[in-house]
PDB file of N, CA and C in Angstrom:
ATOM      1  N   MET A   1     114.165  99.008 146.767  1.00  0.00           N
ATOM      2  CA  MET A   1     115.086  99.946 146.172  1.00  0.00           C
ATOM      3  C   MET A   1     114.612 100.290 144.760  1.00  0.00           C
ATOM      4  N   LEU A   2     114.574 101.544 144.477  1.00  0.00           N
ATOM      5  CA  LEU A   2     114.172 102.036 143.162  1.00  0.00           C
ATOM      6  C   LEU A   2     115.377 102.069 142.239  1.00  0.00           C
ATOM      7  N   ARG A   3     115.259 101.390 141.092  1.00  0.00           N
ATOM      8  CA  ARG A   3     116.360 101.373 140.132  1.00  0.00           C
ATOM      9  C   ARG A   3     116.405 102.690 139.370  1.00  0.00           C
ATOM     10  N   ARG A   4     117.625 103.155 139.097  1.00  0.00           N
ATOM     11  CA  ARG A   4     117.801 104.374 138.307  1.00  0.00           C
ATOM     12  C   ARG A   4     117.790 104.030 136.830  1.00  0.00           C
ATOM     13  N   SER A   5     117.256 104.951 136.034  1.00  0.00           N
ATOM     14  CA  SER A   5     117.294 104.784 134.580  1.00  0.00           C
ATOM     15  C   SER A   5     117.464 106.155 133.941  1.00  0.00           C
ATOM     16  N   LEU A   6     117.934 106.129 132.690  1.00  0.00           N
ATOM     17  CA  LEU A   6     118.191 107.360 131.962  1.00  0.00           C
ATOM     18  C   LEU A   6     118.166 107.036 130.476  1.00  0.00           C
ATOM     19  N   THR A   7     117.569 107.917 129.698  1.00  0.00           N
ATOM     20  CA  THR A   7     117.637 107.798 128.245  1.00  0.00           C
ATOM     21  C   THR A   7     118.276 109.072 127.699  1.00  0.00           C
ATOM     22  N   ALA A   8     119.372 108.895 126.970  1.00  0.00           N
ATOM     23  CA  ALA A   8     120.102 110.020 126.390  1.00  0.00           C
ATOM     24  C   ALA A   8     119.881 110.038 124.890  1.00  0.00           C
ATOM     25  N   VAL A   9     119.542 111.198 124.360  1.00  0.00           N
ATOM     26  CA  VAL A   9     119.410 111.381 122.909  1.00  0.00           C
ATOM     27  C   VAL A   9     120.769 111.854 122.404  1.00  0.00           C
ATOM     28  N   LEU A  10     121.451 111.008 121.621  1.00  0.00           N
ATOM     29  CA  LEU A  10     122.789 111.344 121.142  1.00  0.00           C
ATOM     30  C   LEU A  10     122.779 111.909 119.723  1.00  0.00           C
ATOM     31  N   GLU A  11     121.817 111.544 118.938  1.00  0.00           N
ATOM     32  CA  GLU A  11     121.631 112.127 117.600  1.00  0.00           C
ATOM     33  C   GLU A  11     120.136 112.334 117.413  1.00  0.00           C
ATOM     34  N   LYS A  12     119.759 113.499 116.889  1.00  0.00           N
ATOM     35  CA  LYS A  12     118.346 113.807 116.702  1.00  0.00           C
ATOM     36  C   LYS A  12     118.153 114.346 115.288  1.00  0.00           C
ATOM     37  N   ASN A  13     117.507 113.538 114.445  1.00  0.00           N
ATOM     38  CA  ASN A  13     117.218 113.948 113.069  1.00  0.00           C
ATOM     39  C   ASN A  13     118.499 114.292 112.310  1.00  0.00           C
ATOM     40  N   SER A  14     119.530 113.454 112.485  1.00  0.00           N
ATOM     41  CA  SER A  14     120.824 113.677 111.854  1.00  0.00           C
ATOM     42  C   SER A  14     120.916 112.892 110.556  1.00  0.00           C
ATOM     43  N   THR A  15     121.478 113.515 109.523  1.00  0.00           N
ATOM     44  CA  THR A  15     121.701 112.840 108.247  1.00  0.00           C
ATOM     45  C   THR A  15     123.182 112.555 108.097  1.00  0.00           C
ATOM     46  N   PHE A  16     123.513 111.290 107.846  1.00  0.00           N
ATOM     47  CA  PHE A  16     124.895 110.876 107.670  1.00  0.00           C
ATOM     48  C   PHE A  16     125.097 110.384 106.247  1.00  0.00           C
ATOM     49  N   THR A  17     126.191 110.815 105.644  1.00  0.00           N
ATOM     50  CA  THR A  17     126.561 110.368 104.303  1.00  0.00           C
ATOM     51  C   THR A  17     127.958 109.746 104.311  1.00  0.00           C
ATOM     52  N   SER A  18     128.575 109.674 105.478  1.00  0.00           N
ATOM     53  CA  SER A  18     129.880 109.030 105.630  1.00  0.00           C
ATOM     54  C   SER A  18     129.942 108.414 107.030  1.00  0.00           C
ATOM     55  N   ASP A  19     131.005 107.701 107.305  1.00  0.00           N
ATOM     56  CA  ASP A  19     131.160 107.028 108.588  1.00  0.00           C
ATOM     57  C   ASP A  19     131.132 108.036 109.740  1.00  0.00           C
ATOM     58  N   PHE A  20     130.650 107.586 110.909  1.00  0.00           N
ATOM     59  CA  PHE A  20     130.511 108.484 112.055  1.00  0.00           C
ATOM     60  C   PHE A  20     130.640 107.712 113.358  1.00  0.00           C
ATOM     61  N   GLU A  21     130.845 108.454 114.450  1.00  0.00           N
ATOM     62  CA  GLU A  21     130.759 107.944 115.815  1.00  0.00           C
ATOM     63  C   GLU A  21     129.887 108.909 116.605  1.00  0.00           C
ATOM     64  N   THR A  22     129.084 108.389 117.528  1.00  0.00           N
ATOM     65  CA  THR A  22     128.336 109.277 118.418  1.00  0.00           C
ATOM     66  C   THR A  22     129.304 109.863 119.443  1.00  0.00           C
ATOM     67  N   GLU A  23     128.849 110.878 120.143  1.00  0.00           N
ATOM     68  CA  GLU A  23     129.635 111.408 121.255  1.00  0.00           C
ATOM     69  C   GLU A  23     129.766 110.306 122.319  1.00  0.00           C
ATOM     70  N   PRO A  24     130.898 110.226 122.990  1.00  0.00           N
ATOM     71  CA  PRO A  24     131.059 109.245 124.072  1.00  0.00           C
ATOM     72  C   PRO A  24     130.090 109.549 125.213  1.00  0.00           C
ATOM     73  N   TYR A  25     129.639 108.489 125.876  1.00  0.00           N
ATOM     74  CA  TYR A  25     128.717 108.670 126.996  1.00  0.00           C
ATOM     75  C   TYR A  25     129.223 107.849 128.179  1.00  0.00           C
ATOM     76  N   GLU A  26     129.370 108.487 129.348  1.00  0.00           N
ATOM     77  CA  GLU A  26     129.868 107.816 130.545  1.00  0.00           C
ATOM     78  C   GLU A  26     128.736 107.004 131.172  1.00  0.00           C
ATOM     79  N   VAL A  27     128.961 105.694 131.356  1.00  0.00           N
ATOM     80  CA  VAL A  27     127.891 104.787 131.789  1.00  0.00           C
ATOM     81  C   VAL A  27     128.314 103.875 132.939  1.00  0.00           C
ATOM     82  N   ALA A  28     129.329 104.265 133.704  1.00  0.00           N
ATOM     83  CA  ALA A  28     129.884 103.382 134.740  1.00  0.00           C
ATOM     84  C   ALA A  28     128.852 102.947 135.769  1.00  0.00           C
ATOM     85  N   TRP A  29     127.845 103.754 136.042  1.00  0.00           N
ATOM     86  CA  TRP A  29     126.845 103.431 137.054  1.00  0.00           C
ATOM     87  C   TRP A  29     125.821 102.400 136.575  1.00  0.00           C
ATOM     88  N   ALA A  30     125.702 102.213 135.274  1.00  0.00           N
ATOM     89  CA  ALA A  30     124.645 101.369 134.701  1.00  0.00           C
ATOM     90  C   ALA A  30     125.077  99.906 134.608  1.00  0.00           C
ATOM     91  N   SER A  31     124.108  99.010 134.731  1.00  0.00           N
ATOM     92  CA  SER A  31     124.377  97.583 134.549  1.00  0.00           C
ATOM     93  C   SER A  31     123.796  97.066 133.237  1.00  0.00           C
ATOM     94  N   GLU A  32     122.892  97.837 132.639  1.00  0.00           N
ATOM     95  CA  GLU A  32     122.295  97.453 131.364  1.00  0.00           C
ATOM     96  C   GLU A  32     122.226  98.679 130.460  1.00  0.00           C
ATOM     97  N   ALA A  33     122.406  98.435 129.168  1.00  0.00           N
ATOM     98  CA  ALA A  33     122.291  99.503 128.178  1.00  0.00           C
ATOM     99  C   ALA A  33     121.581  98.946 126.950  1.00  0.00           C
ATOM    100  N   ARG A  34     120.869  99.817 126.264  1.00  0.00           N
ATOM    101  CA  ARG A  34     120.223  99.432 125.014  1.00  0.00           C
ATOM    102  C   ARG A  34     120.250 100.625 124.075  1.00  0.00           C
ATOM    103  N   TRP A  35     120.838 100.413 122.905  1.00  0.00           N
ATOM    104  CA  TRP A  35     120.832 101.423 121.854  1.00  0.00           C
ATOM    105  C   TRP A  35     119.530 101.315 121.082  1.00  0.00           C
ATOM    106  N   PHE A  36     118.955 102.455 120.756  1.00  0.00           N
ATOM    107  CA  PHE A  36     117.805 102.519 119.861  1.00  0.00           C
ATOM    108  C   PHE A  36     118.195 103.402 118.686  1.00  0.00           C
ATOM    109  N   VAL A  37     118.005 102.892 117.486  1.00  0.00           N
ATOM    110  CA  VAL A  37     118.294 103.649 116.274  1.00  0.00           C
ATOM    111  C   VAL A  37     117.004 103.729 115.470  1.00  0.00           C
ATOM    112  N   ARG A  38     116.464 104.922 115.370  1.00  0.00           N
ATOM    113  CA  ARG A  38     115.263 105.152 114.564  1.00  0.00           C
ATOM    114  C   ARG A  38     115.718 105.700 113.221  1.00  0.00           C
ATOM    115  N   VAL A  39     115.466 104.935 112.168  1.00  0.00           N
ATOM    116  CA  VAL A  39     115.856 105.332 110.820  1.00  0.00           C
ATOM    117  C   VAL A  39     114.637 105.940 110.141  1.00  0.00           C
ATOM    118  N   PHE A  40     114.712 107.231 109.844  1.00  0.00           N
ATOM    119  CA  PHE A  40     113.613 107.922 109.175  1.00  0.00           C
ATOM    120  C   PHE A  40     113.657 107.703 107.666  1.00  0.00           C
ATOM    121  N   GLU A  41     114.854 107.846 107.101  1.00  0.00           N
ATOM    122  CA  GLU A  41     115.056 107.673 105.660  1.00  0.00           C
ATOM    123  C   GLU A  41     116.415 107.021 105.460  1.00  0.00           C
ATOM    124  N   ILE A  42     116.490 106.142 104.469  1.00  0.00           N
ATOM    125  CA  ILE A  42     117.775 105.528 104.159  1.00  0.00           C
ATOM    126  C   ILE A  42     117.849 105.224 102.667  1.00  0.00           C
ATOM    127  N   GLU A  43     118.989 105.550 102.108  1.00  0.00           N
ATOM    128  CA  GLU A  43     119.307 105.196 100.732  1.00  0.00           C
ATOM    129  C   GLU A  43     120.624 104.454 100.792  1.00  0.00           C
ATOM    130  N   GLY A  44     120.595 103.168 100.609  1.00  0.00           N
ATOM    131  CA  GLY A  44     121.793 102.351 100.723  1.00  0.00           C
ATOM    132  C   GLY A  44     121.737 101.492 101.964  1.00  0.00           C
ATOM    133  N   ARG A  45     122.827 101.526 102.735  1.00  0.00           N
ATOM    134  CA  ARG A  45     122.957 100.619 103.880  1.00  0.00           C
ATOM    135  C   ARG A  45     123.687 101.320 105.020  1.00  0.00           C
ATOM    136  N   LEU A  46     123.298 100.985 106.234  1.00  0.00           N
ATOM    137  CA  LEU A  46     123.920 101.501 107.450  1.00  0.00           C
ATOM    138  C   LEU A  46     124.315 100.311 108.319  1.00  0.00           C
ATOM    139  N   GLN A  47     125.585 100.238 108.667  1.00  0.00           N
ATOM    140  CA  GLN A  47     126.091  99.208 109.578  1.00  0.00           C
ATOM    141  C   GLN A  47     126.489  99.912 110.865  1.00  0.00           C
ATOM    142  N   ILE A  48     125.940  99.473 112.013  1.00  0.00           N
ATOM    143  CA  ILE A  48     126.291 100.103 113.280  1.00  0.00           C
ATOM    144  C   ILE A  48     126.766  99.062 114.278  1.00  0.00           C
ATOM    145  N   GLY A  49     127.650  99.500 115.158  1.00  0.00           N
ATOM    146  CA  GLY A  49     128.155  98.631 116.208  1.00  0.00           C
ATOM    147  C   GLY A  49     128.647  99.436 117.388  1.00  0.00           C
ATOM    148  N   PRO A  50     128.525  98.887 118.597  1.00  0.00           N
ATOM    149  CA  PRO A  50     128.959  99.602 119.787  1.00  0.00           C
ATOM    150  C   PRO A  50     130.466  99.505 120.003  1.00  0.00           C
ATOM    151  N   GLU A  51     131.005 100.562 120.616  1.00  0.00           N
ATOM    152  CA  GLU A  51     132.399 100.588 121.026  1.00  0.00           C
ATOM    153  C   GLU A  51     132.470 100.918 122.510  1.00  0.00           C
ATOM    154  N   VAL A  52     133.528 100.436 123.181  1.00  0.00           N
ATOM    155  CA  VAL A  52     133.720 100.651 124.613  1.00  0.00           C
ATOM    156  C   VAL A  52     135.083 101.283 124.860  1.00  0.00           C
ATOM    157  N   SER A  53     135.191 101.940 126.023  1.00  0.00           N
ATOM    158  CA  SER A  53     136.445 102.591 126.399  1.00  0.00           C
ATOM    159  C   SER A  53     136.551 102.639 127.921  1.00  0.00           C
ATOM    160  N   PRO A  54     137.749 102.445 128.459  1.00  0.00           N
ATOM    161  CA  PRO A  54     137.922 102.595 129.903  1.00  0.00           C
ATOM    162  C   PRO A  54     138.051 104.050 130.339  1.00  0.00           C
ATOM    163  N   ASP A  55     138.374 104.945 129.373  1.00  0.00           N
ATOM    164  CA  ASP A  55     138.659 106.332 129.745  1.00  0.00           C
ATOM    165  C   ASP A  55     137.988 107.378 128.853  1.00  0.00           C
ATOM    166  N   GLY A  56     137.253 106.955 127.825  1.00  0.00           N
ATOM    167  CA  GLY A  56     136.618 107.894 126.917  1.00  0.00           C
ATOM    168  C   GLY A  56     137.551 108.461 125.863  1.00  0.00           C
ATOM    169  N   LEU A  57     138.790 107.953 125.805  1.00  0.00           N
ATOM    170  CA  LEU A  57     139.782 108.457 124.853  1.00  0.00           C
ATOM    171  C   LEU A  57     140.168 107.404 123.808  1.00  0.00           C
ATOM    172  N   GLU A  58     140.478 106.219 124.251  1.00  0.00           N
ATOM    173  CA  GLU A  58     140.856 105.115 123.373  1.00  0.00           C
ATOM    174  C   GLU A  58     139.691 104.134 123.284  1.00  0.00           C
ATOM    175  N   TRP A  59     139.382 103.672 122.050  1.00  0.00           N
ATOM    176  CA  TRP A  59     138.169 102.887 121.806  1.00  0.00           C
ATOM    177  C   TRP A  59     138.480 101.555 121.149  1.00  0.00           C
ATOM    178  N   CYS A  60     137.626 100.559 121.454  1.00  0.00           N
ATOM    179  CA  CYS A  60     137.683  99.272 120.768  1.00  0.00           C
ATOM    180  C   CYS A  60     136.255  98.772 120.573  1.00  0.00           C
ATOM    181  N   THR A  61     136.081  97.836 119.662  1.00  0.00           N
ATOM    182  CA  THR A  61     134.740  97.287 119.440  1.00  0.00           C
ATOM    183  C   THR A  61     134.301  96.533 120.681  1.00  0.00           C
ATOM    184  N   GLU A  62     133.010  96.587 120.965  1.00  0.00           N
ATOM    185  CA  GLU A  62     132.454  95.950 122.152  1.00  0.00           C
ATOM    186  C   GLU A  62     132.358  94.438 121.981  1.00  0.00           C
ATOM    187  N   GLY A  63     132.189  93.956 120.765  1.00  0.00           N
ATOM    188  CA  GLY A  63     132.131  92.517 120.534  1.00  0.00           C
ATOM    189  C   GLY A  63     130.785  92.008 120.049  1.00  0.00           C
ATOM    190  N   SER A  64     129.729  92.816 120.169  1.00  0.00           N
ATOM    191  CA  SER A  64     128.418  92.430 119.661  1.00  0.00           C
ATOM    192  C   SER A  64     128.455  92.432 118.137  1.00  0.00           C
ATOM    193  N   PRO A  65     127.605  91.629 117.492  1.00  0.00           N
ATOM    194  CA  PRO A  65     127.612  91.614 116.026  1.00  0.00           C
ATOM    195  C   PRO A  65     127.141  92.913 115.389  1.00  0.00           C
ATOM    196  N   GLY A  66     126.483  93.791 116.121  1.00  0.00           N
ATOM    197  CA  GLY A  66     126.000  95.046 115.555  1.00  0.00           C
ATOM    198  C   GLY A  66     124.750  94.831 114.721  1.00  0.00           C
ATOM    199  N   LEU A  67     124.383  95.852 113.967  1.00  0.00           N
ATOM    200  CA  LEU A  67     123.177  95.807 113.148  1.00  0.00           C
ATOM    201  C   LEU A  67     123.485  96.261 111.729  1.00  0.00           C
ATOM    202  N   ALA A  68     122.893  95.580 110.756  1.00  0.00           N
ATOM    203  CA  ALA A  68     122.943  95.994 109.355  1.00  0.00           C
ATOM    204  C   ALA A  68     121.539  96.471 109.001  1.00  0.00           C
ATOM    205  N   ILE A  69     121.423  97.730 108.597  1.00  0.00           N
ATOM    206  CA  ILE A  69     120.124  98.357 108.374  1.00  0.00           C
ATOM    207  C   ILE A  69     120.019  98.824 106.933  1.00  0.00           C
ATOM    208  N   ASP A  70     118.908  98.445 106.270  1.00  0.00           N
ATOM    209  CA  ASP A  70     118.693  98.911 104.894  1.00  0.00           C
ATOM    210  C   ASP A  70     117.259  99.356 104.651  1.00  0.00           C
ATOM    211  N   ALA A  71     116.491  99.556 105.747  1.00  0.00           N
ATOM    212  CA  ALA A  71     115.105 100.020 105.632  1.00  0.00           C
ATOM    213  C   ALA A  71     114.769 100.918 106.816  1.00  0.00           C
ATOM    214  N   ALA A  72     113.821 101.830 106.612  1.00  0.00           N
ATOM    215  CA  ALA A  72     113.370 102.699 107.700  1.00  0.00           C
ATOM    216  C   ALA A  72     112.724 101.850 108.792  1.00  0.00           C
ATOM    217  N   GLY A  73     112.785 102.348 110.038  1.00  0.00           N
ATOM    218  CA  GLY A  73     112.182 101.640 111.158  1.00  0.00           C
ATOM    219  C   GLY A  73     112.943 101.898 112.435  1.00  0.00           C
ATOM    220  N   LEU A  74     112.540 101.207 113.504  1.00  0.00           N
ATOM    221  CA  LEU A  74     113.177 101.320 114.810  1.00  0.00           C
ATOM    222  C   LEU A  74     113.962 100.040 115.066  1.00  0.00           C
ATOM    223  N   TYR A  75     115.243 100.199 115.429  1.00  0.00           N
ATOM    224  CA  TYR A  75     116.124  99.073 115.667  1.00  0.00           C
ATOM    225  C   TYR A  75     116.707  99.175 117.072  1.00  0.00           C
ATOM    226  N   SER A  76     117.042  98.021 117.661  1.00  0.00           N
ATOM    227  CA  SER A  76     117.511  97.997 119.032  1.00  0.00           C
ATOM    228  C   SER A  76     118.712  97.062 119.165  1.00  0.00           C
ATOM    229  N   LEU A  77     119.637  97.441 120.039  1.00  0.00           N
ATOM    230  CA  LEU A  77     120.831  96.650 120.282  1.00  0.00           C
ATOM    231  C   LEU A  77     121.120  96.655 121.786  1.00  0.00           C
ATOM    232  N   PRO A  78     120.854  95.532 122.492  1.00  0.00           N
ATOM    233  CA  PRO A  78     121.099  95.479 123.940  1.00  0.00           C
ATOM    234  C   PRO A  78     122.559  95.179 124.263  1.00  0.00           C
ATOM    235  N   LEU A  79     123.045  95.707 125.410  1.00  0.00           N
ATOM    236  CA  LEU A  79     124.412  95.466 125.865  1.00  0.00           C
ATOM    237  C   LEU A  79     124.424  95.129 127.347  1.00  0.00           C
ATOM    238  N   ARG A  80     125.345  94.252 127.713  1.00  0.00           N
ATOM    239  CA  ARG A  80     125.659  93.943 129.108  1.00  0.00           C
ATOM    240  C   ARG A  80     127.174  93.782 129.212  1.00  0.00           C
ATOM    241  N   ASP A  81     127.690  93.824 130.415  1.00  0.00           N
ATOM    242  CA  ASP A  81     129.121  93.609 130.669  1.00  0.00           C
ATOM    243  C   ASP A  81     130.005  94.589 129.903  1.00  0.00           C
ATOM    244  N   PHE A  82     129.646  95.850 129.938  1.00  0.00           N
ATOM    245  CA  PHE A  82     130.446  96.893 129.300  1.00  0.00           C
ATOM    246  C   PHE A  82     131.234  97.632 130.372  1.00  0.00           C
ATOM    247  N   VAL A  83     132.126  98.510 129.944  1.00  0.00           N
ATOM    248  CA  VAL A  83     132.942  99.271 130.899  1.00  0.00           C
ATOM    249  C   VAL A  83     132.409 100.687 131.041  1.00  0.00           C
ATOM    250  N   HIS A  84     133.252 101.635 131.313  1.00  0.00           N
ATOM    251  CA  HIS A  84     132.833 102.974 131.738  1.00  0.00           C
ATOM    252  C   HIS A  84     132.252 103.878 130.661  1.00  0.00           C
ATOM    253  N   TRP A  85     132.655 103.711 129.412  1.00  0.00           N
ATOM    254  CA  TRP A  85     132.211 104.609 128.354  1.00  0.00           C
ATOM    255  C   TRP A  85     131.674 103.816 127.175  1.00  0.00           C
ATOM    256  N   LEU A  86     130.624 104.346 126.539  1.00  0.00           N
ATOM    257  CA  LEU A  86     130.042 103.736 125.339  1.00  0.00           C
ATOM    258  C   LEU A  86     129.915 104.786 124.236  1.00  0.00           C
ATOM    259  N   ARG A  87     129.981 104.330 123.003  1.00  0.00           N
ATOM    260  CA  ARG A  87     129.615 105.131 121.851  1.00  0.00           C
ATOM    261  C   ARG A  87     129.203 104.157 120.748  1.00  0.00           C
ATOM    262  N   LEU A  88     128.569 104.677 119.735  1.00  0.00           N
ATOM    263  CA  LEU A  88     128.119 103.865 118.611  1.00  0.00           C
ATOM    264  C   LEU A  88     128.869 104.315 117.364  1.00  0.00           C
ATOM    265  N   ARG A  89     129.404 103.367 116.616  1.00  0.00           N
ATOM    266  CA  ARG A  89     130.104 103.666 115.358  1.00  0.00           C
ATOM    267  C   ARG A  89     129.211 103.233 114.207  1.00  0.00           C
ATOM    268  N   GLY A  90     129.119 104.084 113.187  1.00  0.00           N
ATOM    269  CA  GLY A  90     128.306 103.777 112.019  1.00  0.00           C
ATOM    270  C   GLY A  90     129.109 103.844 110.736  1.00  0.00           C
ATOM    271  N   THR A  91     128.841 102.913 109.849  1.00  0.00           N
ATOM    272  CA  THR A  91     129.410 102.917 108.508  1.00  0.00           C
ATOM    273  C   THR A  91     128.261 103.086 107.538  1.00  0.00           C
ATOM    274  N   VAL A  92     128.323 104.122 106.722  1.00  0.00           N
ATOM    275  CA  VAL A  92     127.215 104.468 105.836  1.00  0.00           C
ATOM    276  C   VAL A  92     127.634 104.264 104.378  1.00  0.00           C
ATOM    277  N   GLU A  93     126.821 103.530 103.650  1.00  0.00           N
ATOM    278  CA  GLU A  93     126.960 103.424 102.194  1.00  0.00           C
ATOM    279  C   GLU A  93     125.711 104.087 101.626  1.00  0.00           C
ATOM    280  N   GLY A  94     125.823 105.319 101.178  1.00  0.00           N
ATOM    281  CA  GLY A  94     124.673 106.102 100.732  1.00  0.00           C
ATOM    282  C   GLY A  94     124.400 107.201 101.727  1.00  0.00           C
ATOM    283  N   SER A  95     123.156 107.275 102.230  1.00  0.00           N
ATOM    284  CA  SER A  95     122.810 108.264 103.251  1.00  0.00           C
ATOM    285  C   SER A  95     121.716 107.709 104.152  1.00  0.00           C
ATOM    286  N   ALA A  96     121.689 108.205 105.381  1.00  0.00           N
ATOM    287  CA  ALA A  96     120.684 107.779 106.353  1.00  0.00           C
ATOM    288  C   ALA A  96     120.353 108.943 107.272  1.00  0.00           C
ATOM    289  N   ARG A  97     119.066 109.170 107.493  1.00  0.00           N
ATOM    290  CA  ARG A  97     118.606 110.182 108.462  1.00  0.00           C
ATOM    291  C   ARG A  97     118.088 109.430 109.669  1.00  0.00           C
ATOM    292  N   VAL A  98     118.713 109.657 110.846  1.00  0.00           N
ATOM    293  CA  VAL A  98     118.459 108.831 112.010  1.00  0.00           C
ATOM    294  C   VAL A  98     118.299 109.643 113.294  1.00  0.00           C
ATOM    295  N   GLN A  99     117.760 108.950 114.294  1.00  0.00           N
ATOM    296  CA  GLN A  99     117.779 109.401 115.685  1.00  0.00           C
ATOM    297  C   GLN A  99     118.423 108.261 116.469  1.00  0.00           C
ATOM    298  N   ILE A 100     119.368 108.583 117.359  1.00  0.00           N
ATOM    299  CA  ILE A 100     120.053 107.556 118.134  1.00  0.00           C
ATOM    300  C   ILE A 100     119.888 107.871 119.624  1.00  0.00           C
ATOM    301  N   LEU A 101     119.366 106.898 120.365  1.00  0.00           N
ATOM    302  CA  LEU A 101     119.156 107.034 121.796  1.00  0.00           C
ATOM    303  C   LEU A 101     119.896 105.923 122.527  1.00  0.00           C
ATOM    304  N   LEU A 102     120.352 106.226 123.726  1.00  0.00           N
ATOM    305  CA  LEU A 102     120.992 105.256 124.599  1.00  0.00           C
ATOM    306  C   LEU A 102     120.190 105.187 125.888  1.00  0.00           C
ATOM    307  N   ALA A 103     119.572 104.036 126.149  1.00  0.00           N
ATOM    308  CA  ALA A 103     118.772 103.825 127.357  1.00  0.00           C
ATOM    309  C   ALA A 103     119.608 103.021 128.355  1.00  0.00           C
ATOM    310  N   LEU A 104     119.707 103.536 129.583  1.00  0.00           N
ATOM    311  CA  LEU A 104     120.533 102.917 130.625  1.00  0.00           C
ATOM    312  C   LEU A 104     119.714 102.642 131.868  1.00  0.00           C
ATOM    313  N   LYS A 105     120.055 101.564 132.578  1.00  0.00           N
ATOM    314  CA  LYS A 105     119.468 101.345 133.905  1.00  0.00           C
ATOM    315  C   LYS A 105     120.417 100.572 134.762  1.00  0.00           C
ATOM    316  N   GLU A 106     120.266 100.742 136.078  1.00  0.00           N
ATOM    317  CA  GLU A 106     121.150 100.084 137.013  1.00  0.00           C
ATOM    318  C   GLU A 106     120.503  98.831 137.518  1.00  0.00           C
TER     319      GLU A 106
END
């Protein structure tokens, strides 16, 4: 059996100067997920963490410790045992120019 996979680009070359959330992404078919955050430029600090939802409307933290980022580079956050919808929440102190991808597989 061939496993399905998908990589979604949720933010591409986006600059954030205040707190943000990515667009919700429906992931009910997937058994594994991994966030990739490519930081091109950063002044200050970026704290990111995943959120989950059963319906894409009401959100809560997923429970992972998240990532604290203060330098350019590629960062990764793996997830398992999530529900139907995922999004990433970011808290920005300063500014950050990023690309955010969500890689999924069954």
